[in-house]
N, C-alpha and C. Protein backbone atom coordinates (compact mmCIF):
# COMPACT_ATOMS: atom_id res chain seq x y z
N MET A 1 62.85 88.10 72.69
CA MET A 1 63.61 87.85 73.90
C MET A 1 63.12 88.73 75.03
N THR A 2 63.21 88.20 76.23
CA THR A 2 62.81 89.00 77.38
C THR A 2 63.90 90.03 77.67
N LYS A 3 63.50 91.11 78.31
CA LYS A 3 64.45 92.17 78.64
C LYS A 3 65.61 91.62 79.47
N ASP A 4 65.29 90.76 80.46
CA ASP A 4 66.31 90.21 81.34
C ASP A 4 67.38 89.46 80.56
N ALA A 5 66.95 88.63 79.61
CA ALA A 5 67.89 87.80 78.87
C ALA A 5 68.59 88.56 77.77
N THR A 6 67.92 89.52 77.13
CA THR A 6 68.54 90.23 76.03
C THR A 6 69.53 91.26 76.50
N GLN A 7 69.44 91.66 77.76
CA GLN A 7 70.33 92.69 78.23
C GLN A 7 71.80 92.28 78.11
N ASP A 8 72.07 90.98 78.17
CA ASP A 8 73.46 90.58 78.12
C ASP A 8 73.58 89.07 77.88
N LEU A 9 73.76 88.67 76.62
CA LEU A 9 73.93 87.25 76.31
C LEU A 9 75.19 86.68 76.96
N SER A 10 76.08 87.55 77.37
CA SER A 10 77.31 87.07 77.99
C SER A 10 77.03 86.35 79.31
N ARG A 11 75.89 86.61 79.94
CA ARG A 11 75.54 85.88 81.16
C ARG A 11 75.39 84.39 80.84
N PHE A 12 74.79 84.09 79.70
CA PHE A 12 74.67 82.69 79.29
C PHE A 12 76.04 82.14 78.92
N ASP A 13 76.81 82.94 78.18
CA ASP A 13 78.12 82.49 77.74
C ASP A 13 79.05 82.19 78.91
N ARG A 14 78.99 83.01 79.97
CA ARG A 14 79.84 82.78 81.15
C ARG A 14 79.52 81.42 81.78
N ILE A 15 78.26 81.07 81.81
CA ILE A 15 77.88 79.76 82.36
C ILE A 15 78.33 78.65 81.43
N ILE A 16 78.05 78.78 80.16
CA ILE A 16 78.42 77.75 79.19
C ILE A 16 79.92 77.53 79.16
N ASP A 17 80.70 78.61 79.25
CA ASP A 17 82.16 78.51 79.16
C ASP A 17 82.80 77.77 80.33
N ARG A 18 82.07 77.56 81.40
CA ARG A 18 82.61 76.82 82.55
C ARG A 18 82.70 75.32 82.28
N TYR A 19 82.07 74.88 81.19
CA TYR A 19 81.95 73.45 80.94
C TYR A 19 82.62 73.04 79.64
N GLU A 20 82.90 71.74 79.59
CA GLU A 20 83.42 71.14 78.37
C GLU A 20 82.34 71.20 77.30
N LYS A 21 82.73 71.36 76.07
CA LYS A 21 81.77 71.43 74.97
C LYS A 21 81.36 70.02 74.56
N SER A 22 80.56 69.39 75.42
CA SER A 22 80.09 68.03 75.13
C SER A 22 78.65 67.89 75.63
N GLU A 23 77.95 66.93 75.08
CA GLU A 23 76.55 66.72 75.47
C GLU A 23 76.42 66.30 76.92
N GLU A 24 77.47 65.75 77.50
CA GLU A 24 77.43 65.36 78.91
C GLU A 24 77.30 66.58 79.82
N SER A 25 77.62 67.76 79.32
CA SER A 25 77.56 68.99 80.12
C SER A 25 76.19 69.67 80.08
N LEU A 26 75.32 69.24 79.19
CA LEU A 26 74.06 69.96 78.98
C LEU A 26 73.23 70.12 80.24
N LEU A 27 73.02 69.03 80.98
CA LEU A 27 72.17 69.11 82.17
C LEU A 27 72.78 70.05 83.21
N ALA A 28 74.07 69.97 83.42
CA ALA A 28 74.72 70.84 84.40
C ALA A 28 74.58 72.31 84.01
N ILE A 29 74.67 72.60 82.73
CA ILE A 29 74.51 73.98 82.25
C ILE A 29 73.08 74.44 82.47
N LEU A 30 72.11 73.59 82.14
CA LEU A 30 70.71 73.96 82.36
C LEU A 30 70.43 74.18 83.84
N GLN A 31 71.03 73.38 84.70
CA GLN A 31 70.87 73.57 86.14
C GLN A 31 71.48 74.90 86.59
N ASP A 32 72.60 75.28 86.01
CA ASP A 32 73.20 76.58 86.34
C ASP A 32 72.32 77.73 85.84
N PHE A 33 71.70 77.58 84.67
CA PHE A 33 70.74 78.58 84.20
C PHE A 33 69.61 78.71 85.23
N GLN A 34 69.12 77.56 85.70
CA GLN A 34 68.03 77.56 86.68
C GLN A 34 68.42 78.33 87.94
N ARG A 35 69.63 78.08 88.44
CA ARG A 35 70.10 78.78 89.65
C ARG A 35 70.25 80.28 89.41
N GLU A 36 70.79 80.64 88.27
CA GLU A 36 71.07 82.04 87.96
C GLU A 36 69.81 82.86 87.71
N PHE A 37 68.88 82.30 86.94
CA PHE A 37 67.71 83.06 86.50
C PHE A 37 66.41 82.66 87.20
N HIS A 38 66.46 81.60 88.04
CA HIS A 38 65.29 81.03 88.71
C HIS A 38 64.34 80.34 87.73
N TYR A 39 64.83 80.07 86.55
CA TYR A 39 64.17 79.24 85.54
C TYR A 39 65.16 79.11 84.39
N VAL A 40 64.80 78.32 83.37
CA VAL A 40 65.67 78.16 82.20
C VAL A 40 65.07 79.00 81.07
N PRO A 41 65.65 80.16 80.82
CA PRO A 41 65.10 81.04 79.77
C PRO A 41 65.26 80.42 78.37
N GLU A 42 64.27 80.68 77.53
CA GLU A 42 64.32 80.21 76.15
C GLU A 42 65.57 80.72 75.46
N GLU A 43 65.94 81.98 75.74
CA GLU A 43 67.13 82.56 75.12
C GLU A 43 68.39 81.79 75.50
N GLY A 44 68.43 81.31 76.73
CA GLY A 44 69.58 80.52 77.18
C GLY A 44 69.65 79.20 76.46
N MET A 45 68.49 78.56 76.26
CA MET A 45 68.48 77.30 75.52
C MET A 45 68.89 77.51 74.07
N ARG A 46 68.42 78.60 73.49
CA ARG A 46 68.82 78.89 72.10
C ARG A 46 70.33 79.09 72.00
N ARG A 47 70.88 79.84 72.95
CA ARG A 47 72.33 80.09 72.95
C ARG A 47 73.09 78.78 73.15
N LEU A 48 72.63 77.96 74.08
CA LEU A 48 73.28 76.68 74.35
C LEU A 48 73.20 75.77 73.12
N SER A 49 72.08 75.79 72.44
CA SER A 49 71.91 75.00 71.23
C SER A 49 72.93 75.41 70.17
N GLU A 50 73.08 76.73 69.99
CA GLU A 50 74.05 77.25 69.02
C GLU A 50 75.48 76.85 69.37
N VAL A 51 75.86 77.11 70.61
CA VAL A 51 77.25 76.89 71.04
C VAL A 51 77.61 75.41 71.02
N MET A 52 76.70 74.57 71.49
CA MET A 52 76.99 73.14 71.60
C MET A 52 76.64 72.35 70.34
N GLY A 53 75.87 72.97 69.45
CA GLY A 53 75.50 72.27 68.23
C GLY A 53 74.52 71.13 68.47
N VAL A 54 73.63 71.32 69.44
CA VAL A 54 72.60 70.30 69.71
C VAL A 54 71.24 70.88 69.33
N PRO A 55 70.32 70.03 68.93
CA PRO A 55 68.99 70.53 68.57
C PRO A 55 68.28 71.18 69.76
N LEU A 56 67.61 72.26 69.51
CA LEU A 56 66.85 72.95 70.55
C LEU A 56 65.79 72.01 71.15
N SER A 57 65.25 71.13 70.33
CA SER A 57 64.24 70.19 70.81
C SER A 57 64.79 69.29 71.92
N LYS A 58 66.06 68.94 71.85
CA LYS A 58 66.68 68.11 72.88
C LYS A 58 66.72 68.87 74.21
N LEU A 59 67.03 70.15 74.15
CA LEU A 59 67.09 70.96 75.36
C LEU A 59 65.70 71.15 75.96
N TYR A 60 64.69 71.34 75.11
CA TYR A 60 63.32 71.43 75.60
C TYR A 60 62.89 70.11 76.25
N ALA A 61 63.27 69.01 75.65
CA ALA A 61 62.93 67.70 76.22
C ALA A 61 63.54 67.57 77.62
N MET A 62 64.77 68.01 77.78
CA MET A 62 65.41 67.95 79.09
C MET A 62 64.72 68.91 80.06
N GLY A 63 64.39 70.10 79.59
CA GLY A 63 63.77 71.11 80.44
C GLY A 63 62.40 70.69 80.95
N THR A 64 61.70 69.87 80.19
CA THR A 64 60.38 69.42 80.62
C THR A 64 60.43 68.09 81.36
N PHE A 65 61.49 67.31 81.17
CA PHE A 65 61.61 66.01 81.82
C PHE A 65 62.07 66.15 83.27
N TYR A 66 63.08 66.96 83.52
CA TYR A 66 63.67 67.06 84.85
C TYR A 66 62.88 68.02 85.73
N LYS A 67 62.43 67.51 86.86
CA LYS A 67 61.61 68.28 87.80
C LYS A 67 62.38 69.47 88.38
N ALA A 68 63.69 69.38 88.44
CA ALA A 68 64.51 70.46 89.00
C ALA A 68 64.59 71.68 88.07
N LEU A 69 64.14 71.51 86.83
CA LEU A 69 64.20 72.60 85.86
C LEU A 69 62.80 73.14 85.61
N SER A 70 62.72 74.45 85.39
CA SER A 70 61.44 75.08 85.08
C SER A 70 61.63 75.96 83.86
N LEU A 71 60.69 75.89 82.93
CA LEU A 71 60.77 76.73 81.73
C LEU A 71 59.98 78.03 81.91
N THR A 72 59.38 78.19 83.09
CA THR A 72 58.67 79.44 83.39
C THR A 72 59.33 80.07 84.62
N PRO A 73 59.31 81.39 84.70
CA PRO A 73 59.96 82.06 85.83
C PRO A 73 59.40 81.59 87.18
N ARG A 74 60.30 81.43 88.11
CA ARG A 74 59.96 80.99 89.46
C ARG A 74 60.40 82.07 90.45
N GLY A 75 59.90 81.97 91.64
CA GLY A 75 60.21 82.95 92.67
C GLY A 75 61.64 82.83 93.17
N ARG A 76 62.08 83.91 93.81
CA ARG A 76 63.41 83.89 94.43
C ARG A 76 63.46 82.85 95.55
N HIS A 77 62.30 82.61 96.17
CA HIS A 77 62.20 81.63 97.25
C HIS A 77 61.13 80.61 96.89
N THR A 78 61.40 79.36 97.24
CA THR A 78 60.45 78.29 96.96
C THR A 78 59.89 77.76 98.28
N ILE A 79 58.58 77.69 98.34
CA ILE A 79 57.89 77.12 99.49
C ILE A 79 57.25 75.83 99.02
N LYS A 80 57.62 74.72 99.66
CA LYS A 80 57.05 73.42 99.30
C LYS A 80 56.25 72.92 100.50
N VAL A 81 54.99 72.62 100.25
CA VAL A 81 54.13 72.06 101.28
C VAL A 81 53.95 70.58 100.99
N CYS A 82 54.36 69.75 101.95
CA CYS A 82 54.20 68.31 101.79
C CYS A 82 52.72 67.97 101.90
N THR A 83 52.23 67.20 100.94
CA THR A 83 50.83 66.77 100.96
C THR A 83 50.72 65.25 101.04
N GLY A 84 51.79 64.61 101.53
CA GLY A 84 51.75 63.16 101.75
C GLY A 84 50.71 62.83 102.81
N THR A 85 50.45 61.57 103.02
CA THR A 85 49.38 61.13 103.90
C THR A 85 49.48 61.72 105.31
N ALA A 86 50.63 61.59 105.96
CA ALA A 86 50.77 62.09 107.33
C ALA A 86 50.57 63.60 107.37
N CYS A 87 51.17 64.32 106.44
CA CYS A 87 51.03 65.78 106.42
C CYS A 87 49.60 66.19 106.09
N HIS A 88 48.98 65.48 105.16
CA HIS A 88 47.59 65.77 104.82
C HIS A 88 46.69 65.62 106.05
N LEU A 89 46.87 64.54 106.78
CA LEU A 89 46.04 64.28 107.95
C LEU A 89 46.29 65.28 109.08
N LYS A 90 47.49 65.85 109.11
CA LYS A 90 47.83 66.78 110.19
C LYS A 90 47.69 68.25 109.80
N GLY A 91 47.08 68.53 108.62
CA GLY A 91 46.74 69.91 108.32
C GLY A 91 47.37 70.56 107.11
N ALA A 92 48.03 69.81 106.23
CA ALA A 92 48.63 70.41 105.03
C ALA A 92 47.63 71.20 104.18
N PRO A 93 46.39 70.72 103.99
CA PRO A 93 45.44 71.51 103.18
C PRO A 93 45.19 72.90 103.75
N GLN A 94 45.13 73.01 105.06
CA GLN A 94 44.93 74.32 105.69
C GLN A 94 46.16 75.21 105.53
N LEU A 95 47.34 74.60 105.59
CA LEU A 95 48.57 75.37 105.36
C LEU A 95 48.57 75.95 103.96
N LEU A 96 48.22 75.12 102.98
CA LEU A 96 48.18 75.58 101.59
C LEU A 96 47.19 76.72 101.42
N GLU A 97 46.01 76.57 101.98
CA GLU A 97 44.99 77.62 101.86
C GLU A 97 45.47 78.92 102.48
N THR A 98 46.10 78.83 103.64
CA THR A 98 46.61 80.03 104.31
C THR A 98 47.69 80.71 103.47
N LEU A 99 48.63 79.93 102.96
CA LEU A 99 49.70 80.51 102.14
C LEU A 99 49.14 81.13 100.87
N GLU A 100 48.21 80.45 100.22
CA GLU A 100 47.59 81.01 99.01
C GLU A 100 46.93 82.35 99.30
N ARG A 101 46.17 82.40 100.37
CA ARG A 101 45.42 83.61 100.71
C ARG A 101 46.37 84.75 101.14
N GLU A 102 47.29 84.46 102.02
CA GLU A 102 48.14 85.51 102.59
C GLU A 102 49.22 86.01 101.62
N LEU A 103 49.74 85.10 100.80
CA LEU A 103 50.78 85.50 99.83
C LEU A 103 50.18 85.87 98.48
N LYS A 104 48.87 85.68 98.33
CA LYS A 104 48.16 85.97 97.07
C LYS A 104 48.79 85.21 95.90
N VAL A 105 48.89 83.90 96.10
CA VAL A 105 49.46 83.03 95.07
C VAL A 105 48.66 81.73 95.05
N ARG A 106 48.53 81.14 93.89
CA ARG A 106 47.87 79.84 93.78
C ARG A 106 48.92 78.75 93.91
N ARG A 107 48.48 77.58 94.39
CA ARG A 107 49.44 76.48 94.50
C ARG A 107 50.05 76.17 93.14
N ASN A 108 51.31 75.87 93.15
CA ASN A 108 52.11 75.63 91.95
C ASN A 108 52.22 76.89 91.08
N GLY A 109 52.14 78.04 91.72
CA GLY A 109 52.27 79.32 91.04
C GLY A 109 53.31 80.20 91.71
N THR A 110 53.54 81.36 91.13
CA THR A 110 54.53 82.32 91.62
C THR A 110 53.84 83.65 91.90
N THR A 111 54.23 84.29 92.99
CA THR A 111 53.64 85.59 93.33
C THR A 111 53.98 86.61 92.25
N GLU A 112 53.13 87.63 92.13
CA GLU A 112 53.33 88.66 91.10
C GLU A 112 54.67 89.35 91.22
N ASP A 113 55.15 89.53 92.44
CA ASP A 113 56.43 90.22 92.64
C ASP A 113 57.64 89.31 92.42
N GLY A 114 57.39 88.04 92.11
CA GLY A 114 58.48 87.10 91.84
C GLY A 114 59.24 86.67 93.08
N GLU A 115 58.68 86.92 94.24
CA GLU A 115 59.37 86.59 95.49
C GLU A 115 59.21 85.11 95.85
N PHE A 116 58.00 84.54 95.68
CA PHE A 116 57.73 83.18 96.12
C PHE A 116 57.09 82.33 95.04
N THR A 117 57.50 81.05 95.01
CA THR A 117 56.79 80.03 94.25
C THR A 117 56.28 79.04 95.29
N LEU A 118 55.00 78.74 95.23
CA LEU A 118 54.36 77.82 96.17
C LEU A 118 54.10 76.50 95.46
N GLU A 119 54.63 75.41 96.01
CA GLU A 119 54.48 74.10 95.40
C GLU A 119 53.87 73.11 96.37
N CYS A 120 53.12 72.16 95.82
CA CYS A 120 52.65 71.00 96.57
C CYS A 120 53.59 69.85 96.18
N VAL A 121 54.07 69.11 97.16
CA VAL A 121 54.92 67.96 96.87
C VAL A 121 54.34 66.74 97.56
N ASN A 122 54.54 65.57 96.97
CA ASN A 122 53.92 64.35 97.48
C ASN A 122 54.42 63.91 98.84
N CYS A 123 55.70 63.88 99.04
CA CYS A 123 56.25 63.45 100.32
C CYS A 123 57.69 63.94 100.42
N VAL A 124 58.05 64.42 101.59
CA VAL A 124 59.43 64.89 101.78
C VAL A 124 60.20 63.96 102.71
N GLY A 125 59.57 62.87 103.13
CA GLY A 125 60.25 61.87 103.95
C GLY A 125 60.50 62.32 105.38
N ALA A 126 59.66 63.19 105.90
CA ALA A 126 59.82 63.66 107.27
C ALA A 126 58.48 63.55 108.00
N CYS A 127 57.86 62.39 107.90
CA CYS A 127 56.50 62.19 108.42
C CYS A 127 56.39 62.46 109.91
N ALA A 128 57.44 62.20 110.67
CA ALA A 128 57.40 62.43 112.12
C ALA A 128 57.26 63.91 112.45
N MET A 129 57.59 64.78 111.49
CA MET A 129 57.51 66.23 111.70
C MET A 129 56.23 66.83 111.12
N ALA A 130 55.32 66.01 110.67
CA ALA A 130 54.13 66.47 109.94
C ALA A 130 53.32 67.50 110.74
N PRO A 131 52.73 68.45 110.02
CA PRO A 131 52.90 68.75 108.60
C PRO A 131 54.19 69.54 108.35
N VAL A 132 54.81 69.27 107.23
CA VAL A 132 56.12 69.84 106.92
C VAL A 132 56.03 70.82 105.76
N VAL A 133 56.72 71.95 105.94
CA VAL A 133 56.86 72.96 104.89
C VAL A 133 58.36 73.18 104.71
N LEU A 134 58.80 73.17 103.45
CA LEU A 134 60.19 73.49 103.16
C LEU A 134 60.23 74.89 102.56
N VAL A 135 61.12 75.71 103.09
CA VAL A 135 61.34 77.04 102.52
C VAL A 135 62.79 77.06 102.08
N ASP A 136 63.00 77.17 100.78
CA ASP A 136 64.36 77.14 100.22
C ASP A 136 65.13 75.92 100.73
N GLU A 137 64.47 74.77 100.76
CA GLU A 137 65.04 73.48 101.14
C GLU A 137 65.34 73.34 102.64
N VAL A 138 64.87 74.27 103.47
CA VAL A 138 64.99 74.15 104.92
C VAL A 138 63.66 73.63 105.45
N TYR A 139 63.72 72.54 106.23
CA TYR A 139 62.52 71.89 106.75
C TYR A 139 61.99 72.64 107.96
N HIS A 140 60.65 72.81 107.97
CA HIS A 140 59.95 73.40 109.11
C HIS A 140 58.82 72.44 109.46
N GLY A 141 58.97 71.74 110.59
CA GLY A 141 57.98 70.75 110.99
C GLY A 141 56.94 71.30 111.93
N GLN A 142 55.89 70.48 112.14
CA GLN A 142 54.75 70.83 112.98
C GLN A 142 54.25 72.25 112.66
N SER A 143 54.19 72.56 111.39
CA SER A 143 53.75 73.89 110.94
C SER A 143 52.27 74.08 111.22
N ARG A 144 51.89 75.30 111.53
CA ARG A 144 50.50 75.64 111.84
C ARG A 144 50.06 76.82 110.98
N PRO A 145 48.81 76.81 110.51
CA PRO A 145 48.32 77.92 109.69
C PRO A 145 48.48 79.28 110.35
N SER A 146 48.28 79.36 111.66
CA SER A 146 48.36 80.64 112.37
C SER A 146 49.77 81.22 112.39
N LYS A 147 50.78 80.39 112.16
CA LYS A 147 52.16 80.86 112.24
C LYS A 147 52.94 80.75 110.94
N ILE A 148 52.35 80.14 109.93
CA ILE A 148 53.09 79.79 108.72
C ILE A 148 53.60 81.01 107.95
N VAL A 149 52.81 82.05 107.80
CA VAL A 149 53.24 83.20 107.01
C VAL A 149 54.38 83.93 107.72
N ASP A 150 54.27 84.11 109.04
CA ASP A 150 55.35 84.75 109.80
C ASP A 150 56.63 83.92 109.71
N MET A 151 56.49 82.58 109.78
CA MET A 151 57.66 81.72 109.69
C MET A 151 58.34 81.87 108.33
N VAL A 152 57.56 81.91 107.28
CA VAL A 152 58.12 82.06 105.93
C VAL A 152 58.85 83.39 105.81
N LYS A 153 58.21 84.46 106.24
CA LYS A 153 58.82 85.79 106.14
C LYS A 153 60.06 85.91 107.00
N LYS A 154 60.04 85.29 108.19
CA LYS A 154 61.22 85.30 109.06
C LYS A 154 62.37 84.54 108.39
N HIS A 155 62.04 83.40 107.79
CA HIS A 155 63.07 82.59 107.14
C HIS A 155 63.75 83.35 106.00
N VAL A 156 62.96 83.97 105.14
CA VAL A 156 63.56 84.64 103.98
C VAL A 156 64.20 85.97 104.36
N GLY A 157 63.84 86.50 105.52
CA GLY A 157 64.46 87.73 105.98
C GLY A 157 65.82 87.52 106.60
N SER A 158 66.16 86.26 106.90
CA SER A 158 67.44 85.98 107.56
C SER A 158 68.54 85.75 106.58
């Protein structure tokens, strides 16, 4: 077990106890684990499996199927760069390169300090604002490489 998860199994229990003991609650519990820990820890799935009496394999299947869940640690803040056609044509590749270089993170990866996860997404449905970057689900349109890192840092500092 990781130090974070072993320090107190009651963190998992507090989340699990908010829900009815039924399979219909599994996804909501996994989503709460995601919010609390910034990913779904293996220890949490094991605890949920024990408490709910469901196979661990079912929880892993859910954890890998749903895009909103991650089985690996993610950053406190998520940066999503739209790479849809309009954003691509208006400079999304340069935005990605700038963020990778300045934050020292690879696309679809997390910074060493656990502060940021950088993701490429296909389309965010805001083509008129291209290129679009979402920081913690807040849209930032007409983004430019020269200003993107300052914008990200200003956003998370607020």
